[in-house]
N, C-alpha and C. Protein backbone atom coordinates (compact mmCIF):
# COMPACT_ATOMS: atom_id res chain seq x y z
N MET A 1 97.18 86.87 93.70
CA MET A 1 98.17 87.34 94.65
C MET A 1 97.49 88.31 95.71
N LYS A 2 97.70 88.13 96.94
CA LYS A 2 97.21 88.98 97.91
C LYS A 2 98.12 90.17 98.03
N ASN A 3 97.60 91.12 98.61
CA ASN A 3 98.43 92.40 98.82
C ASN A 3 97.85 93.40 99.85
N VAL A 4 98.71 94.19 100.24
CA VAL A 4 98.27 95.19 101.35
C VAL A 4 98.37 96.62 100.77
N MET A 5 98.34 96.71 99.51
CA MET A 5 98.62 97.98 98.89
C MET A 5 97.50 99.20 99.31
N ARG A 6 96.32 98.65 99.40
CA ARG A 6 95.18 99.55 99.83
C ARG A 6 95.41 100.12 101.21
N GLN A 7 95.82 99.25 102.13
CA GLN A 7 96.09 99.79 103.50
C GLN A 7 97.28 100.71 103.49
N LEU A 8 98.39 100.33 102.76
CA LEU A 8 99.46 101.32 102.72
C LEU A 8 98.99 102.66 102.05
N ARG A 9 98.27 102.63 101.07
CA ARG A 9 97.85 103.85 100.37
C ARG A 9 97.10 104.71 101.32
N THR A 10 96.04 104.04 102.06
CA THR A 10 95.12 104.89 102.76
C THR A 10 95.87 105.35 104.02
N ASP A 11 96.81 104.64 104.61
CA ASP A 11 97.59 105.11 105.72
C ASP A 11 98.31 106.42 105.33
N ARG A 12 98.62 106.71 104.16
CA ARG A 12 99.31 107.82 103.77
C ARG A 12 98.23 108.96 103.23
N GLY A 13 97.06 108.66 103.26
CA GLY A 13 96.00 109.56 102.85
C GLY A 13 95.99 109.80 101.38
N TRP A 14 96.51 108.92 100.57
CA TRP A 14 96.48 109.08 99.11
C TRP A 14 95.27 108.38 98.46
N SER A 15 94.71 108.97 97.62
CA SER A 15 93.58 108.35 96.73
C SER A 15 94.28 107.46 95.74
N GLN A 16 93.35 106.70 95.05
CA GLN A 16 93.97 105.72 93.99
C GLN A 16 94.62 106.62 92.89
N GLY A 17 93.94 107.73 92.62
CA GLY A 17 94.58 108.54 91.56
C GLY A 17 96.00 109.19 91.94
N ASP A 18 96.14 109.57 93.28
CA ASP A 18 97.31 109.97 93.71
C ASP A 18 98.52 109.04 93.61
N LEU A 19 98.16 107.69 93.94
CA LEU A 19 99.03 106.61 93.80
C LEU A 19 99.47 106.28 92.39
N ALA A 20 98.34 106.31 91.64
CA ALA A 20 98.62 106.13 90.13
C ALA A 20 99.52 107.03 89.54
N ASP A 21 99.33 108.40 89.89
CA ASP A 21 100.22 109.44 89.32
C ASP A 21 101.59 109.20 89.73
N GLN A 22 101.80 108.77 90.94
CA GLN A 22 103.27 108.57 91.41
C GLN A 22 103.86 107.36 90.72
N LEU A 23 103.08 106.36 90.30
CA LEU A 23 103.64 105.16 89.69
C LEU A 23 103.57 105.30 88.12
N GLU A 24 102.89 106.30 87.70
CA GLU A 24 102.81 106.53 86.19
C GLU A 24 102.06 105.40 85.53
N VAL A 25 100.87 105.06 86.31
CA VAL A 25 99.88 104.05 85.72
C VAL A 25 98.55 104.70 85.86
N SER A 26 97.54 104.05 85.40
CA SER A 26 96.13 104.48 85.48
C SER A 26 95.49 104.24 86.77
N ARG A 27 94.59 104.94 87.28
CA ARG A 27 93.88 104.67 88.43
C ARG A 27 93.22 103.31 88.35
N GLN A 28 92.74 102.94 87.21
CA GLN A 28 92.08 101.59 87.13
C GLN A 28 93.12 100.48 87.33
N THR A 29 94.49 100.73 86.99
CA THR A 29 95.50 99.63 87.30
C THR A 29 95.51 99.59 88.81
N VAL A 30 95.67 100.73 89.46
CA VAL A 30 95.76 100.63 90.93
C VAL A 30 94.67 99.92 91.52
N ASN A 31 93.35 100.21 91.03
CA ASN A 31 92.20 99.60 91.60
C ASN A 31 92.24 98.01 91.19
N ALA A 32 92.61 97.65 90.11
CA ALA A 32 92.77 96.24 89.76
C ALA A 32 93.72 95.49 90.70
N ILE A 33 94.84 96.17 90.97
CA ILE A 33 95.84 95.56 91.85
C ILE A 33 95.34 95.44 93.24
N GLU A 34 94.70 96.47 93.84
CA GLU A 34 94.21 96.43 95.13
C GLU A 34 93.01 95.40 95.34
N THR A 35 92.25 95.26 94.34
CA THR A 35 91.13 94.24 94.39
C THR A 35 91.57 92.83 93.91
N GLU A 36 92.74 92.66 93.62
CA GLU A 36 93.48 91.43 93.37
C GLU A 36 92.91 90.75 92.05
N ARG A 37 92.43 91.72 91.06
CA ARG A 37 92.19 91.14 89.85
C ARG A 37 93.32 91.24 88.70
N TYR A 38 94.46 91.91 89.34
CA TYR A 38 95.66 91.98 88.38
C TYR A 38 96.74 91.95 89.26
N ASP A 39 97.81 91.12 88.82
CA ASP A 39 99.08 91.11 89.43
C ASP A 39 99.96 91.98 88.72
N PRO A 40 100.63 92.94 89.36
CA PRO A 40 101.61 93.92 88.64
C PRO A 40 102.85 93.19 88.07
N SER A 41 103.35 93.82 87.03
CA SER A 41 104.55 93.29 86.46
C SER A 41 105.65 93.49 87.48
N LEU A 42 106.81 92.69 87.29
CA LEU A 42 107.86 92.86 88.37
C LEU A 42 108.37 94.31 88.49
N PRO A 43 108.58 94.88 87.30
CA PRO A 43 109.10 96.29 87.43
C PRO A 43 108.11 97.22 88.27
N LEU A 44 106.81 97.05 87.89
CA LEU A 44 105.75 97.87 88.71
C LEU A 44 105.77 97.36 90.23
N ALA A 45 105.88 96.20 90.54
CA ALA A 45 105.94 95.65 91.89
C ALA A 45 107.24 96.32 92.62
N PHE A 46 108.28 96.41 91.88
CA PHE A 46 109.53 96.98 92.57
C PHE A 46 109.29 98.45 92.78
N ALA A 47 108.61 99.12 91.89
CA ALA A 47 108.26 100.62 91.90
C ALA A 47 107.34 100.79 93.22
N ILE A 48 106.35 99.91 93.23
CA ILE A 48 105.34 100.03 94.55
C ILE A 48 106.27 99.85 95.82
N ALA A 49 107.10 98.76 95.88
CA ALA A 49 107.82 98.59 97.09
C ALA A 49 108.70 99.70 97.37
N ARG A 50 109.38 100.36 96.35
CA ARG A 50 110.28 101.60 96.61
C ARG A 50 109.48 102.56 97.12
N LEU A 51 108.42 102.95 96.47
CA LEU A 51 107.43 104.17 96.91
C LEU A 51 107.03 103.94 98.46
N PHE A 52 106.63 102.70 98.81
CA PHE A 52 106.28 102.51 100.15
C PHE A 52 107.38 102.27 101.09
N GLY A 53 108.56 102.07 100.53
CA GLY A 53 109.77 101.69 101.40
C GLY A 53 109.68 100.50 102.14
N LYS A 54 109.18 99.49 101.41
CA LYS A 54 108.96 98.03 102.05
C LYS A 54 109.50 97.06 101.11
N PRO A 55 109.91 95.80 101.54
CA PRO A 55 110.12 94.81 100.70
C PRO A 55 108.95 94.31 99.88
N ILE A 56 109.20 93.85 98.69
CA ILE A 56 108.03 93.26 97.90
C ILE A 56 107.23 92.38 98.63
N GLU A 57 107.94 91.46 99.40
CA GLU A 57 107.21 90.31 99.97
C GLU A 57 106.48 90.73 101.23
N LYS A 58 106.55 92.02 101.70
CA LYS A 58 105.82 92.57 102.75
C LYS A 58 104.40 93.30 102.09
N ILE A 59 104.45 93.37 100.76
CA ILE A 59 103.35 94.04 100.12
C ILE A 59 102.46 92.99 99.28
N PHE A 60 103.11 92.07 98.63
CA PHE A 60 102.62 91.12 97.88
C PHE A 60 102.83 89.68 98.46
N PHE A 61 101.96 88.89 98.42
CA PHE A 61 102.13 87.44 99.15
C PHE A 61 101.02 86.56 98.67
N THR A 62 101.44 85.23 98.76
CA THR A 62 100.41 84.21 98.37
C THR A 62 99.70 83.72 99.71
N GLU A 63 98.45 83.36 99.51
CA GLU A 63 97.72 82.87 100.79
C GLU A 63 98.13 81.47 100.98
N LYS A 64 98.38 81.15 102.24
CA LYS A 64 98.75 79.86 102.66
C LYS A 64 97.73 79.06 103.20
């Protein structure tokens, strides 16, 4: 699944560690999501969307 999480994070000046702390996950989890090696669970995807103030489908999407 494609995502724009890295762009959203860097736009706010957050490191992967900063984002991980806010989401209560490891920095490695953030890295794996950003590099599209791991798709977040639905609860984590909702937490990410809430944190960035965007609908899930604006952050995560499939390539057409």
